[in-house]
Structure formats: structure tokens, C-alpha cells
Amino acid sequence: MEKLLKPQLSPHVFVLEDESSRHIGHAGARPEGETHYRLRVVSDAFAGLSRVARQRLVYDALREEFDTGLHALSLDLKTRAEAAAS
């Protein structure tokens, strides 16, 4: 995911956490993991985009990942100004 997103978003902050172990036994979970992630990105590429447009940008970049086993992705997507204000 990092290789797919970093070139497109040029992030100032990029934190990807595998939370699969918290979802054992839930829908979409696999014994080998790598199904549930939390992603925090701070990037000026999100400037002027709505929350939904930001999510679509990320989901479109990760389409193949979702097609091959990624089940859930929790997103926190902000511009630098938004991150500084929170």
C-alpha cells in the first residue's frame, strides 16, 4: 500500500498500521492477517477535496489490494493545515 500511495500523495505524514490481529474471527479476516488496516495520511494532495473524494482517491489507488484480500481500511486523511489545527 505504501508503494502505491506515497508517489501519488507525496505525504508529510504516512502511518500504516496492520490491525488484522484485532479482527480474528470477523468477516474478511484471514489467518495470515493483512486484511484490516488503519491509515493516517497528511498530504496537500487532499486540498480542496471533500472527505468522500479523499477516500475515493485512496480506494482507487488500492483497488487491486482490495481485490486480492484487503478487507477493511480505516482512514484519517488531512491536509497539513487541517492536521495542524487538530
C-alpha atoms as a PDB file:
ATOM      1  CA  MET A   1       0.000   0.000   0.000  1.00  0.00           C
ATOM      2  CA  GLU A   2       2.812   2.351   0.860  1.00  0.00           C
ATOM      3  CA  LYS A   3       4.430   1.863  -2.560  1.00  0.00           C
ATOM      4  CA  LEU A   4       1.135   2.651  -4.266  1.00  0.00           C
ATOM      5  CA  LEU A   5       0.135   5.683  -2.211  1.00  0.00           C
ATOM      6  CA  LYS A   6       3.328   7.580  -1.441  1.00  0.00           C
ATOM      7  CA  PRO A   7       4.196   8.507  -5.040  1.00  0.00           C
ATOM      8  CA  GLN A   8       0.636   9.698  -5.666  1.00  0.00           C
ATOM      9  CA  LEU A   9       0.115  11.630  -2.427  1.00  0.00           C
ATOM     10  CA  SER A  10       3.611  12.920  -1.505  1.00  0.00           C
ATOM     11  CA  PRO A  11       2.629  12.704   2.162  1.00  0.00           C
ATOM     12  CA  HIS A  12       4.124  14.699   5.014  1.00  0.00           C
ATOM     13  CA  VAL A  13       2.859  12.009   7.388  1.00  0.00           C
ATOM     14  CA  PHE A  14       2.185   8.390   6.449  1.00  0.00           C
ATOM     15  CA  VAL A  15       1.275   5.899   9.171  1.00  0.00           C
ATOM     16  CA  LEU A  16       0.005   2.459   8.197  1.00  0.00           C
ATOM     17  CA  GLU A  17      -0.966   0.024  10.949  1.00  0.00           C
ATOM     18  CA  ASP A  18      -1.932  -3.606  10.452  1.00  0.00           C
ATOM     19  CA  GLU A  19      -4.889  -4.172  12.798  1.00  0.00           C
ATOM     20  CA  SER A  20      -5.718  -7.643  11.486  1.00  0.00           C
ATOM     21  CA  SER A  21      -4.989  -9.299  14.822  1.00  0.00           C
ATOM     22  CA  ARG A  22      -7.853  -7.296  16.364  1.00  0.00           C
ATOM     23  CA  HIS A  23     -10.303  -8.772  13.857  1.00  0.00           C
ATOM     24  CA  ILE A  24      -9.629 -12.500  14.147  1.00  0.00           C
ATOM     25  CA  GLY A  25     -12.914 -14.315  13.613  1.00  0.00           C
ATOM     26  CA  HIS A  26     -14.600 -11.318  11.973  1.00  0.00           C
ATOM     27  CA  ALA A  27     -15.815 -11.190   8.391  1.00  0.00           C
ATOM     28  CA  GLY A  28     -12.987 -10.902   5.897  1.00  0.00           C
ATOM     29  CA  ALA A  29     -10.258 -11.866   8.372  1.00  0.00           C
ATOM     30  CA  ARG A  30      -7.716 -14.445   7.235  1.00  0.00           C
ATOM     31  CA  PRO A  31      -5.431 -16.484   9.496  1.00  0.00           C
ATOM     32  CA  GLU A  32      -2.335 -14.981   7.848  1.00  0.00           C
ATOM     33  CA  GLY A  33      -3.567 -11.442   8.538  1.00  0.00           C
ATOM     34  CA  GLU A  34      -3.046  -8.409   6.297  1.00  0.00           C
ATOM     35  CA  THR A  35      -6.780  -7.814   5.956  1.00  0.00           C
ATOM     36  CA  HIS A  36      -7.574  -4.892   8.269  1.00  0.00           C
ATOM     37  CA  TYR A  37      -5.531  -1.668   8.329  1.00  0.00           C
ATOM     38  CA  ARG A  38      -5.624   1.846   9.729  1.00  0.00           C
ATOM     39  CA  LEU A  39      -4.062   4.572   7.575  1.00  0.00           C
ATOM     40  CA  ARG A  40      -3.233   8.136   8.558  1.00  0.00           C
ATOM     41  CA  VAL A  41      -2.028  10.437   5.793  1.00  0.00           C
ATOM     42  CA  VAL A  42      -1.302  14.143   5.924  1.00  0.00           C
ATOM     43  CA  SER A  43      -0.871  15.481   2.404  1.00  0.00           C
ATOM     44  CA  ASP A  44      -1.518  18.649   0.483  1.00  0.00           C
ATOM     45  CA  ALA A  45      -2.886  16.409  -2.288  1.00  0.00           C
ATOM     46  CA  PHE A  46      -6.135  16.461  -0.289  1.00  0.00           C
ATOM     47  CA  ALA A  47      -6.519  20.251  -0.531  1.00  0.00           C
ATOM     48  CA  GLY A  48      -9.904  21.209  -1.962  1.00  0.00           C
ATOM     49  CA  LEU A  49     -11.226  17.637  -1.824  1.00  0.00           C
ATOM     50  CA  SER A  50     -14.196  16.560   0.267  1.00  0.00           C
ATOM     51  CA  ARG A  51     -13.833  13.709   2.753  1.00  0.00           C
ATOM     52  CA  VAL A  52     -15.529  11.367   0.278  1.00  0.00           C
ATOM     53  CA  ALA A  53     -13.301  12.481  -2.622  1.00  0.00           C
ATOM     54  CA  ARG A  54     -10.213  11.850  -0.488  1.00  0.00           C
ATOM     55  CA  GLN A  55     -11.430   8.363   0.365  1.00  0.00           C
ATOM     56  CA  ARG A  56     -12.187   7.618  -3.281  1.00  0.00           C
ATOM     57  CA  LEU A  57      -8.683   8.738  -4.248  1.00  0.00           C
ATOM     58  CA  VAL A  58      -7.158   6.278  -1.784  1.00  0.00           C
ATOM     59  CA  TYR A  59      -9.579   3.436  -2.574  1.00  0.00           C
ATOM     60  CA  ASP A  60      -8.994   3.835  -6.320  1.00  0.00           C
ATOM     61  CA  ALA A  61      -5.226   3.646  -5.804  1.00  0.00           C
ATOM     62  CA  LEU A  62      -5.687   0.477  -3.729  1.00  0.00           C
ATOM     63  CA  ARG A  63      -8.279  -1.253  -5.912  1.00  0.00           C
ATOM     64  CA  GLU A  64      -6.000  -4.219  -6.621  1.00  0.00           C
ATOM     65  CA  GLU A  65      -5.254  -4.604  -2.898  1.00  0.00           C
ATOM     66  CA  PHE A  66      -8.971  -4.828  -2.143  1.00  0.00           C
ATOM     67  CA  ASP A  67      -9.410  -7.321  -4.978  1.00  0.00           C
ATOM     68  CA  THR A  68      -6.687  -9.567  -3.539  1.00  0.00           C
ATOM     69  CA  GLY A  69      -7.551  -9.706   0.157  1.00  0.00           C
ATOM     70  CA  LEU A  70      -7.610  -6.292   1.804  1.00  0.00           C
ATOM     71  CA  HIS A  71     -10.938  -6.259   3.621  1.00  0.00           C
ATOM     72  CA  ALA A  72     -11.093  -3.096   5.739  1.00  0.00           C
ATOM     73  CA  LEU A  73      -9.252   0.202   5.766  1.00  0.00           C
ATOM     74  CA  SER A  74      -9.853   2.890   8.372  1.00  0.00           C
ATOM     75  CA  LEU A  75      -8.805   6.289   7.007  1.00  0.00           C
ATOM     76  CA  ASP A  76      -7.685   9.563   8.573  1.00  0.00           C
ATOM     77  CA  LEU A  77      -6.882  11.854   5.641  1.00  0.00           C
ATOM     78  CA  LYS A  78      -5.965  15.503   6.216  1.00  0.00           C
ATOM     79  CA  THR A  79      -4.089  18.388   4.692  1.00  0.00           C
ATOM     80  CA  ARG A  80      -1.180  19.880   6.649  1.00  0.00           C
ATOM     81  CA  ALA A  81      -3.354  22.836   7.677  1.00  0.00           C
ATOM     82  CA  GLU A  82      -6.106  20.520   8.950  1.00  0.00           C
ATOM     83  CA  ALA A  83      -3.610  18.389  10.859  1.00  0.00           C
ATOM     84  CA  ALA A  84      -2.050  21.452  12.467  1.00  0.00           C
ATOM     85  CA  ALA A  85      -5.476  22.747  13.534  1.00  0.00           C
ATOM     86  CA  SER A  86      -6.499  19.492  15.237  1.00  0.00           C
END
